[in-house]
């Protein structure tokens, strides 16, 4: 993966800003919310004052030079439903949530001028785009969506050559901090190095499983970038480590 696509620090997010692709994942600091104090919460559904979220959106929009009325957000439910986004969906669920795009955890578009966004706080963001056309997509991959192979499913909708695709697996909870029980493990197909038996359960590396799904869809390792950032680290929100008392990040990808 070329260095221009690796995740690097900006003011309010980690990611990449290029002439063609804008992608990133917001950090928790320097905000207005109390989830925890002074945090950069990006979710409208957790009880935060919507004015805080709107101001955070405006701050991010200025930083990435992508206006909020061109953003769109589905209503995620930890499933594997995927929908195409067009210019008609610009602004959807960005300022105020609706019932449109309900139960959708994978989105993609072939149009420019749309910022695909979703909320996260441990689950894995998977960014997918083409080097030869305008295709770009975003996946919200918790263990349920991963068990349903949502990353592979979104790659499979692409109508071009698989060699032209690139995948970036963004910040998410690290396997060493994500312990699950046998019921979860039994529902997953995984490479052997993605699961480590512990005294009380299993440590599960969702990044490695989604990386394997990209391989299974036909991508080579040279087409896949995996971020080292873990959401258990200080710059990010972690639902698991903070027992739900935390804000949400925004992952995003778009073409200007």
C-alpha atoms as a PDB file:
ATOM      1  CA  UNK A   1       0.000   0.000   0.000  1.00  0.00           C
ATOM      2  CA  UNK A   2       1.356   3.385  -0.954  1.00  0.00           C
ATOM      3  CA  UNK A   3       2.311   5.685   1.914  1.00  0.00           C
ATOM      4  CA  UNK A   4      -0.311   8.275   0.883  1.00  0.00           C
ATOM      5  CA  UNK A   5      -3.006   5.920   2.198  1.00  0.00           C
ATOM      6  CA  UNK A   6      -1.537   5.201   5.629  1.00  0.00           C
ATOM      7  CA  UNK A   7      -3.292   6.702   8.638  1.00  0.00           C
ATOM      8  CA  UNK A   8      -1.565   9.798   9.968  1.00  0.00           C
ATOM      9  CA  UNK A   9      -2.625  12.340  12.592  1.00  0.00           C
ATOM     10  CA  UNK A  10      -4.581  15.465  11.755  1.00  0.00           C
ATOM     11  CA  UNK A  11      -6.228  17.812  14.250  1.00  0.00           C
ATOM     12  CA  UNK A  12      -9.486  15.932  14.791  1.00  0.00           C
ATOM     13  CA  UNK A  13      -8.902  12.635  12.992  1.00  0.00           C
ATOM     14  CA  UNK A  14      -6.420  10.087  11.775  1.00  0.00           C
ATOM     15  CA  UNK A  15      -6.522   9.242   8.099  1.00  0.00           C
ATOM     16  CA  UNK A  16      -5.488  10.447   4.677  1.00  0.00           C
ATOM     17  CA  UNK A  17      -6.239  13.576   2.655  1.00  0.00           C
ATOM     18  CA  UNK A  18      -5.456  13.327  -1.049  1.00  0.00           C
ATOM     19  CA  UNK A  19      -6.625  14.948  -4.264  1.00  0.00           C
ATOM     20  CA  UNK A  20      -8.934  12.036  -5.033  1.00  0.00           C
ATOM     21  CA  UNK A  21      -9.749  10.194  -1.771  1.00  0.00           C
ATOM     22  CA  UNK A  22     -10.599  11.626   1.653  1.00  0.00           C
ATOM     23  CA  UNK A  23     -10.754   9.025   4.406  1.00  0.00           C
ATOM     24  CA  UNK A  24     -10.387   9.026   8.154  1.00  0.00           C
ATOM     25  CA  UNK A  25     -11.533   8.203  11.678  1.00  0.00           C
ATOM     26  CA  UNK A  26     -12.156  10.920  14.266  1.00  0.00           C
ATOM     27  CA  UNK A  27     -10.321  11.210  17.572  1.00  0.00           C
ATOM     28  CA  UNK A  28     -11.956  11.869  20.948  1.00  0.00           C
ATOM     29  CA  UNK A  29     -10.122  15.001  22.104  1.00  0.00           C
ATOM     30  CA  UNK A  30     -10.693  18.762  21.795  1.00  0.00           C
ATOM     31  CA  UNK A  31     -14.482  18.613  21.682  1.00  0.00           C
ATOM     32  CA  UNK A  32     -17.550  19.922  23.505  1.00  0.00           C
ATOM     33  CA  UNK A  33     -19.248  16.741  24.726  1.00  0.00           C
ATOM     34  CA  UNK A  34     -19.331  15.067  28.134  1.00  0.00           C
ATOM     35  CA  UNK A  35     -18.735  11.524  26.838  1.00  0.00           C
ATOM     36  CA  UNK A  36     -16.264  11.871  28.579  1.00  0.00           C
ATOM     37  CA  UNK A  37     -15.485  15.530  29.313  1.00  0.00           C
ATOM     38  CA  UNK A  38     -14.375  17.690  26.365  1.00  0.00           C
ATOM     39  CA  UNK A  39     -14.757  14.856  23.899  1.00  0.00           C
ATOM     40  CA  UNK A  40     -15.346  15.030  20.148  1.00  0.00           C
ATOM     41  CA  UNK A  41     -18.498  12.892  20.047  1.00  0.00           C
ATOM     42  CA  UNK A  42     -19.917  12.451  16.532  1.00  0.00           C
ATOM     43  CA  UNK A  43     -23.128  10.497  17.278  1.00  0.00           C
ATOM     44  CA  UNK A  44     -26.634  11.966  17.507  1.00  0.00           C
ATOM     45  CA  UNK A  45     -28.182   8.914  19.204  1.00  0.00           C
ATOM     46  CA  UNK A  46     -26.444   8.703  22.600  1.00  0.00           C
ATOM     47  CA  UNK A  47     -28.122  11.598  24.420  1.00  0.00           C
ATOM     48  CA  UNK A  48     -25.563  14.278  23.671  1.00  0.00           C
ATOM     49  CA  UNK A  49     -26.773  17.794  22.919  1.00  0.00           C
ATOM     50  CA  UNK A  50     -27.180  17.834  19.149  1.00  0.00           C
ATOM     51  CA  UNK A  51     -25.623  21.310  19.065  1.00  0.00           C
ATOM     52  CA  UNK A  52     -22.351  19.739  20.221  1.00  0.00           C
ATOM     53  CA  UNK A  53     -22.462  17.150  17.463  1.00  0.00           C
ATOM     54  CA  UNK A  54     -23.351  19.756  14.849  1.00  0.00           C
ATOM     55  CA  UNK A  55     -20.436  21.922  15.899  1.00  0.00           C
ATOM     56  CA  UNK A  56     -18.092  18.937  15.756  1.00  0.00           C
ATOM     57  CA  UNK A  57     -19.396  18.161  12.271  1.00  0.00           C
ATOM     58  CA  UNK A  58     -18.711  21.717  11.167  1.00  0.00           C
ATOM     59  CA  UNK A  59     -15.185  21.578  12.602  1.00  0.00           C
ATOM     60  CA  UNK A  60     -14.438  18.333  10.779  1.00  0.00           C
ATOM     61  CA  UNK A  61     -16.052  19.546   7.557  1.00  0.00           C
ATOM     62  CA  UNK A  62     -13.733  22.558   7.541  1.00  0.00           C
ATOM     63  CA  UNK A  63     -10.685  20.404   8.225  1.00  0.00           C
ATOM     64  CA  UNK A  64     -11.380  17.940   5.422  1.00  0.00           C
ATOM     65  CA  UNK A  65     -12.989  20.518   3.094  1.00  0.00           C
ATOM     66  CA  UNK A  66     -16.157  18.436   2.640  1.00  0.00           C
ATOM     67  CA  UNK A  67     -19.442  20.245   3.543  1.00  0.00           C
ATOM     68  CA  UNK A  68     -21.849  18.525   5.939  1.00  0.00           C
ATOM     69  CA  UNK A  69     -24.734  18.774   3.472  1.00  0.00           C
ATOM     70  CA  UNK A  70     -22.782  16.342   1.266  1.00  0.00           C
ATOM     71  CA  UNK A  71     -22.393  13.746   4.038  1.00  0.00           C
ATOM     72  CA  UNK A  72     -24.655  10.741   4.495  1.00  0.00           C
ATOM     73  CA  UNK A  73     -25.084   8.307   7.380  1.00  0.00           C
ATOM     74  CA  UNK A  74     -26.995   5.002   7.552  1.00  0.00           C
ATOM     75  CA  UNK A  75     -28.673   3.693  10.711  1.00  0.00           C
ATOM     76  CA  UNK A  76     -26.393   0.820  11.736  1.00  0.00           C
ATOM     77  CA  UNK A  77     -27.628  -2.368  13.409  1.00  0.00           C
ATOM     78  CA  UNK A  78     -24.540  -4.642  13.455  1.00  0.00           C
ATOM     79  CA  UNK A  79     -25.792  -6.632  10.486  1.00  0.00           C
ATOM     80  CA  UNK A  80     -24.563  -7.142   6.928  1.00  0.00           C
ATOM     81  CA  UNK A  81     -27.059  -5.218   4.805  1.00  0.00           C
ATOM     82  CA  UNK A  82     -25.443  -3.131   2.065  1.00  0.00           C
ATOM     83  CA  UNK A  83     -26.921  -0.274   0.031  1.00  0.00           C
ATOM     84  CA  UNK A  84     -25.753   1.975  -2.768  1.00  0.00           C
ATOM     85  CA  UNK A  85     -25.565   5.721  -2.141  1.00  0.00           C
ATOM     86  CA  UNK A  86     -26.238   8.346  -4.820  1.00  0.00           C
ATOM     87  CA  UNK A  87     -26.251  12.131  -4.924  1.00  0.00           C
ATOM     88  CA  UNK A  88     -29.927  12.016  -3.916  1.00  0.00           C
ATOM     89  CA  UNK A  89     -28.799  10.847  -0.443  1.00  0.00           C
ATOM     90  CA  UNK A  90     -26.547  13.827   0.314  1.00  0.00           C
ATOM     91  CA  UNK A  91     -27.287  15.145   3.796  1.00  0.00           C
ATOM     92  CA  UNK A  92     -29.247  12.062   4.851  1.00  0.00           C
ATOM     93  CA  UNK A  93     -29.125  11.498   8.648  1.00  0.00           C
ATOM     94  CA  UNK A  94     -26.249  13.950   9.030  1.00  0.00           C
ATOM     95  CA  UNK A  95     -27.959  16.716  11.015  1.00  0.00           C
ATOM     96  CA  UNK A  96     -31.019  14.761  12.142  1.00  0.00           C
ATOM     97  CA  UNK A  97     -31.644  11.009  12.174  1.00  0.00           C
ATOM     98  CA  UNK A  98     -34.472   9.508  10.118  1.00  0.00           C
ATOM     99  CA  UNK A  99     -35.718   5.992   9.320  1.00  0.00           C
ATOM    100  CA  UNK A 100     -34.034   6.075   5.908  1.00  0.00           C
ATOM    101  CA  UNK A 101     -31.163   3.631   5.344  1.00  0.00           C
ATOM    102  CA  UNK A 102     -32.213   1.739   8.492  1.00  0.00           C
ATOM    103  CA  UNK A 103     -30.347  -1.483   9.374  1.00  0.00           C
ATOM    104  CA  UNK A 104     -27.483  -0.815   6.956  1.00  0.00           C
ATOM    105  CA  UNK A 105     -23.838  -1.487   7.861  1.00  0.00           C
ATOM    106  CA  UNK A 106     -22.233  -1.306   4.448  1.00  0.00           C
ATOM    107  CA  UNK A 107     -22.518   1.564   1.960  1.00  0.00           C
ATOM    108  CA  UNK A 108     -20.918   2.363  -1.380  1.00  0.00           C
ATOM    109  CA  UNK A 109     -21.137   4.865  -4.210  1.00  0.00           C
ATOM    110  CA  UNK A 110     -19.893   5.424  -7.750  1.00  0.00           C
ATOM    111  CA  UNK A 111     -20.449   9.187  -7.519  1.00  0.00           C
ATOM    112  CA  UNK A 112     -18.146  12.000  -6.424  1.00  0.00           C
ATOM    113  CA  UNK A 113     -19.073  14.725  -3.943  1.00  0.00           C
ATOM    114  CA  UNK A 114     -20.551  12.368  -1.347  1.00  0.00           C
ATOM    115  CA  UNK A 115     -18.966  11.622   2.034  1.00  0.00           C
ATOM    116  CA  UNK A 116     -19.936   8.169   3.301  1.00  0.00           C
ATOM    117  CA  UNK A 117     -19.931   8.125   7.120  1.00  0.00           C
ATOM    118  CA  UNK A 118     -20.710   5.776  10.019  1.00  0.00           C
ATOM    119  CA  UNK A 119     -20.305   5.826  13.822  1.00  0.00           C
ATOM    120  CA  UNK A 120     -17.885   3.578  15.730  1.00  0.00           C
ATOM    121  CA  UNK A 121     -16.504   2.883  19.200  1.00  0.00           C
ATOM    122  CA  UNK A 122     -14.499  -0.368  18.825  1.00  0.00           C
ATOM    123  CA  UNK A 123     -15.988  -1.997  15.711  1.00  0.00           C
ATOM    124  CA  UNK A 124     -13.795  -2.103  12.631  1.00  0.00           C
ATOM    125  CA  UNK A 125     -14.105   0.478   9.832  1.00  0.00           C
ATOM    126  CA  UNK A 126     -13.188  -0.966   6.453  1.00  0.00           C
ATOM    127  CA  UNK A 127     -12.599   1.515   3.627  1.00  0.00           C
ATOM    128  CA  UNK A 128     -12.741   0.253   0.042  1.00  0.00           C
ATOM    129  CA  UNK A 129     -12.109   2.180  -3.163  1.00  0.00           C
ATOM    130  CA  UNK A 130     -11.036   1.785  -6.776  1.00  0.00           C
ATOM    131  CA  UNK A 131      -7.905   3.270  -8.291  1.00  0.00           C
ATOM    132  CA  UNK A 132      -9.481   3.467 -11.764  1.00  0.00           C
ATOM    133  CA  UNK A 133     -13.065   4.675 -11.263  1.00  0.00           C
ATOM    134  CA  UNK A 134     -15.172   6.508  -8.652  1.00  0.00           C
ATOM    135  CA  UNK A 135     -16.214   3.481  -6.591  1.00  0.00           C
ATOM    136  CA  UNK A 136     -15.760   3.849  -2.828  1.00  0.00           C
ATOM    137  CA  UNK A 137     -17.353   2.134   0.143  1.00  0.00           C
ATOM    138  CA  UNK A 138     -17.397   1.854   3.917  1.00  0.00           C
ATOM    139  CA  UNK A 139     -18.103  -1.095   6.222  1.00  0.00           C
ATOM    140  CA  UNK A 140     -19.053  -1.182   9.913  1.00  0.00           C
ATOM    141  CA  UNK A 141     -17.702  -4.555  11.044  1.00  0.00           C
ATOM    142  CA  UNK A 142     -18.426  -5.684  14.568  1.00  0.00           C
ATOM    143  CA  UNK A 143     -18.272  -9.378  15.318  1.00  0.00           C
ATOM    144  CA  UNK A 144     -21.801  -9.953  13.985  1.00  0.00           C
ATOM    145  CA  UNK A 145     -21.184  -8.178  10.702  1.00  0.00           C
ATOM    146  CA  UNK A 146     -17.819  -9.904  10.443  1.00  0.00           C
ATOM    147  CA  UNK A 147     -19.469 -13.298  11.005  1.00  0.00           C
ATOM    148  CA  UNK A 148     -21.753 -12.477   8.042  1.00  0.00           C
ATOM    149  CA  UNK A 149     -18.695 -11.578   5.906  1.00  0.00           C
ATOM    150  CA  UNK A 150     -19.775  -7.994   5.315  1.00  0.00           C
ATOM    151  CA  UNK A 151     -16.358  -6.904   4.021  1.00  0.00           C
ATOM    152  CA  UNK A 152     -16.328  -9.619   1.376  1.00  0.00           C
ATOM    153  CA  UNK A 153     -19.938  -8.837   0.466  1.00  0.00           C
ATOM    154  CA  UNK A 154     -19.186  -5.183  -0.170  1.00  0.00           C
ATOM    155  CA  UNK A 155     -16.119  -6.011  -2.262  1.00  0.00           C
ATOM    156  CA  UNK A 156     -18.253  -8.423  -4.285  1.00  0.00           C
ATOM    157  CA  UNK A 157     -20.662  -5.663  -5.369  1.00  0.00           C
ATOM    158  CA  UNK A 158     -17.861  -3.876  -7.238  1.00  0.00           C
ATOM    159  CA  UNK A 159     -18.406  -4.049 -10.999  1.00  0.00           C
ATOM    160  CA  UNK A 160     -14.814  -3.422 -12.072  1.00  0.00           C
ATOM    161  CA  UNK A 161     -11.566  -5.392 -11.923  1.00  0.00           C
ATOM    162  CA  UNK A 162     -10.637  -6.718  -8.505  1.00  0.00           C
ATOM    163  CA  UNK A 163      -7.033  -5.684  -9.194  1.00  0.00           C
ATOM    164  CA  UNK A 164      -8.116  -2.029  -9.155  1.00  0.00           C
ATOM    165  CA  UNK A 165      -9.480  -2.108  -5.594  1.00  0.00           C
ATOM    166  CA  UNK A 166      -7.718  -0.953  -2.439  1.00  0.00           C
ATOM    167  CA  UNK A 167      -8.774  -1.707   1.142  1.00  0.00           C
ATOM    168  CA  UNK A 168      -7.801   0.095   4.341  1.00  0.00           C
ATOM    169  CA  UNK A 169      -8.758  -1.454   7.678  1.00  0.00           C
ATOM    170  CA  UNK A 170      -8.918   1.404  10.149  1.00  0.00           C
ATOM    171  CA  UNK A 171      -8.761   1.895  13.924  1.00  0.00           C
ATOM    172  CA  UNK A 172     -10.662  -0.697  15.951  1.00  0.00           C
ATOM    173  CA  UNK A 173     -10.262  -2.590  19.176  1.00  0.00           C
ATOM    174  CA  UNK A 174      -7.120  -4.737  19.215  1.00  0.00           C
ATOM    175  CA  UNK A 175      -7.390  -8.485  19.665  1.00  0.00           C
ATOM    176  CA  UNK A 176      -5.436  -8.334  22.923  1.00  0.00           C
ATOM    177  CA  UNK A 177      -8.201  -6.144  24.432  1.00  0.00           C
ATOM    178  CA  UNK A 178     -11.229  -7.895  22.942  1.00  0.00           C
ATOM    179  CA  UNK A 179     -12.228 -11.053  24.794  1.00  0.00           C
ATOM    180  CA  UNK A 180     -15.313 -13.006  23.692  1.00  0.00           C
ATOM    181  CA  UNK A 181     -16.921 -16.332  24.583  1.00  0.00           C
ATOM    182  CA  UNK A 182     -17.195 -19.580  22.625  1.00  0.00           C
ATOM    183  CA  UNK A 183     -20.634 -18.645  21.277  1.00  0.00           C
ATOM    184  CA  UNK A 184     -19.063 -15.769  19.338  1.00  0.00           C
ATOM    185  CA  UNK A 185     -16.118 -17.832  18.119  1.00  0.00           C
ATOM    186  CA  UNK A 186     -18.402 -20.580  16.843  1.00  0.00           C
ATOM    187  CA  UNK A 187     -20.170 -18.117  14.538  1.00  0.00           C
ATOM    188  CA  UNK A 188     -16.982 -16.945  12.825  1.00  0.00           C
ATOM    189  CA  UNK A 189     -14.763 -18.206  10.080  1.00  0.00           C
ATOM    190  CA  UNK A 190     -11.258 -17.008  10.881  1.00  0.00           C
ATOM    191  CA  UNK A 191      -7.529 -17.483  10.249  1.00  0.00           C
ATOM    192  CA  UNK A 192      -5.822 -19.309  13.104  1.00  0.00           C
ATOM    193  CA  UNK A 193      -3.804 -16.274  14.221  1.00  0.00           C
ATOM    194  CA  UNK A 194      -6.994 -14.207  14.749  1.00  0.00           C
ATOM    195  CA  UNK A 195      -8.078 -16.123  17.870  1.00  0.00           C
ATOM    196  CA  UNK A 196      -6.078 -16.727  21.055  1.00  0.00           C
ATOM    197  CA  UNK A 197      -7.426 -18.889  23.890  1.00  0.00           C
ATOM    198  CA  UNK A 198      -7.384 -17.187  27.289  1.00  0.00           C
ATOM    199  CA  UNK A 199      -8.148 -18.390  30.797  1.00  0.00           C
ATOM    200  CA  UNK A 200     -11.717 -17.089  30.603  1.00  0.00           C
ATOM    201  CA  UNK A 201     -12.498 -17.016  26.885  1.00  0.00           C
ATOM    202  CA  UNK A 202     -10.897 -16.014  23.583  1.00  0.00           C
ATOM    203  CA  UNK A 203      -9.096 -12.896  22.384  1.00  0.00           C
ATOM    204  CA  UNK A 204     -10.498 -12.048  18.968  1.00  0.00           C
ATOM    205  CA  UNK A 205      -8.725  -9.953  16.305  1.00  0.00           C
ATOM    206  CA  UNK A 206     -11.462  -8.612  14.026  1.00  0.00           C
ATOM    207  CA  UNK A 207      -8.958  -6.743  11.864  1.00  0.00           C
ATOM    208  CA  UNK A 208      -7.277  -9.988  10.830  1.00  0.00           C
ATOM    209  CA  UNK A 209     -10.607 -11.619   9.995  1.00  0.00           C
ATOM    210  CA  UNK A 210     -11.705  -8.718   7.809  1.00  0.00           C
ATOM    211  CA  UNK A 211      -8.285  -8.721   6.171  1.00  0.00           C
ATOM    212  CA  UNK A 212      -8.815 -12.406   5.370  1.00  0.00           C
ATOM    213  CA  UNK A 213     -12.238 -11.621   3.915  1.00  0.00           C
ATOM    214  CA  UNK A 214     -10.601  -9.120   1.554  1.00  0.00           C
ATOM    215  CA  UNK A 215      -8.155 -11.832   0.523  1.00  0.00           C
ATOM    216  CA  UNK A 216     -11.012 -14.291   0.040  1.00  0.00           C
ATOM    217  CA  UNK A 217     -12.675 -11.744  -2.255  1.00  0.00           C
ATOM    218  CA  UNK A 218      -9.559 -11.815  -4.447  1.00  0.00           C
ATOM    219  CA  UNK A 219      -7.351  -8.987  -3.178  1.00  0.00           C
ATOM    220  CA  UNK A 220      -3.637  -9.464  -2.635  1.00  0.00           C
ATOM    221  CA  UNK A 221      -1.855  -8.330   0.516  1.00  0.00           C
ATOM    222  CA  UNK A 222      -0.343  -5.475  -1.519  1.00  0.00           C
ATOM    223  CA  UNK A 223      -3.873  -4.106  -2.001  1.00  0.00           C
ATOM    224  CA  UNK A 224      -4.734  -4.169   1.714  1.00  0.00           C
ATOM    225  CA  UNK A 225      -3.556  -1.747   4.389  1.00  0.00           C
ATOM    226  CA  UNK A 226      -4.174  -2.517   8.085  1.00  0.00           C
ATOM    227  CA  UNK A 227      -3.914   0.324  10.597  1.00  0.00           C
ATOM    228  CA  UNK A 228      -1.954  -0.244  13.804  1.00  0.00           C
ATOM    229  CA  UNK A 229      -4.271   2.083  15.754  1.00  0.00           C
ATOM    230  CA  UNK A 230      -6.343   0.385  18.460  1.00  0.00           C
ATOM    231  CA  UNK A 231      -9.414   2.046  19.985  1.00  0.00           C
ATOM    232  CA  UNK A 232      -8.207   0.992  23.431  1.00  0.00           C
ATOM    233  CA  UNK A 233      -5.595   3.724  23.014  1.00  0.00           C
ATOM    234  CA  UNK A 234      -6.062   7.220  24.480  1.00  0.00           C
ATOM    235  CA  UNK A 235      -6.996   9.159  21.296  1.00  0.00           C
ATOM    236  CA  UNK A 236     -10.146   7.082  20.672  1.00  0.00           C
ATOM    237  CA  UNK A 237     -13.506   6.061  22.145  1.00  0.00           C
ATOM    238  CA  UNK A 238     -13.892   2.462  23.372  1.00  0.00           C
ATOM    239  CA  UNK A 239     -17.386   1.172  24.158  1.00  0.00           C
ATOM    240  CA  UNK A 240     -16.016  -1.985  25.713  1.00  0.00           C
ATOM    241  CA  UNK A 241     -13.322  -0.510  27.928  1.00  0.00           C
ATOM    242  CA  UNK A 242     -15.552   2.380  29.036  1.00  0.00           C
ATOM    243  CA  UNK A 243     -18.571   0.083  29.541  1.00  0.00           C
ATOM    244  CA  UNK A 244     -20.743   2.031  27.143  1.00  0.00           C
ATOM    245  CA  UNK A 245     -20.225   5.399  28.847  1.00  0.00           C
ATOM    246  CA  UNK A 246     -18.467   7.030  25.953  1.00  0.00           C
ATOM    247  CA  UNK A 247     -18.932   8.896  22.700  1.00  0.00           C
ATOM    248  CA  UNK A 248     -18.684   7.666  19.138  1.00  0.00           C
ATOM    249  CA  UNK A 249     -16.170   8.317  16.413  1.00  0.00           C
ATOM    250  CA  UNK A 250     -17.023   8.987  12.796  1.00  0.00           C
ATOM    251  CA  UNK A 251     -15.356   7.023  10.039  1.00  0.00           C
ATOM    252  CA  UNK A 252     -15.663   8.566   6.581  1.00  0.00           C
ATOM    253  CA  UNK A 253     -14.613   8.172   2.978  1.00  0.00           C
ATOM    254  CA  UNK A 254     -15.422  10.289  -0.038  1.00  0.00           C
ATOM    255  CA  UNK A 255     -14.248  11.537  -3.404  1.00  0.00           C
ATOM    256  CA  UNK A 256     -14.249  15.259  -4.100  1.00  0.00           C
END
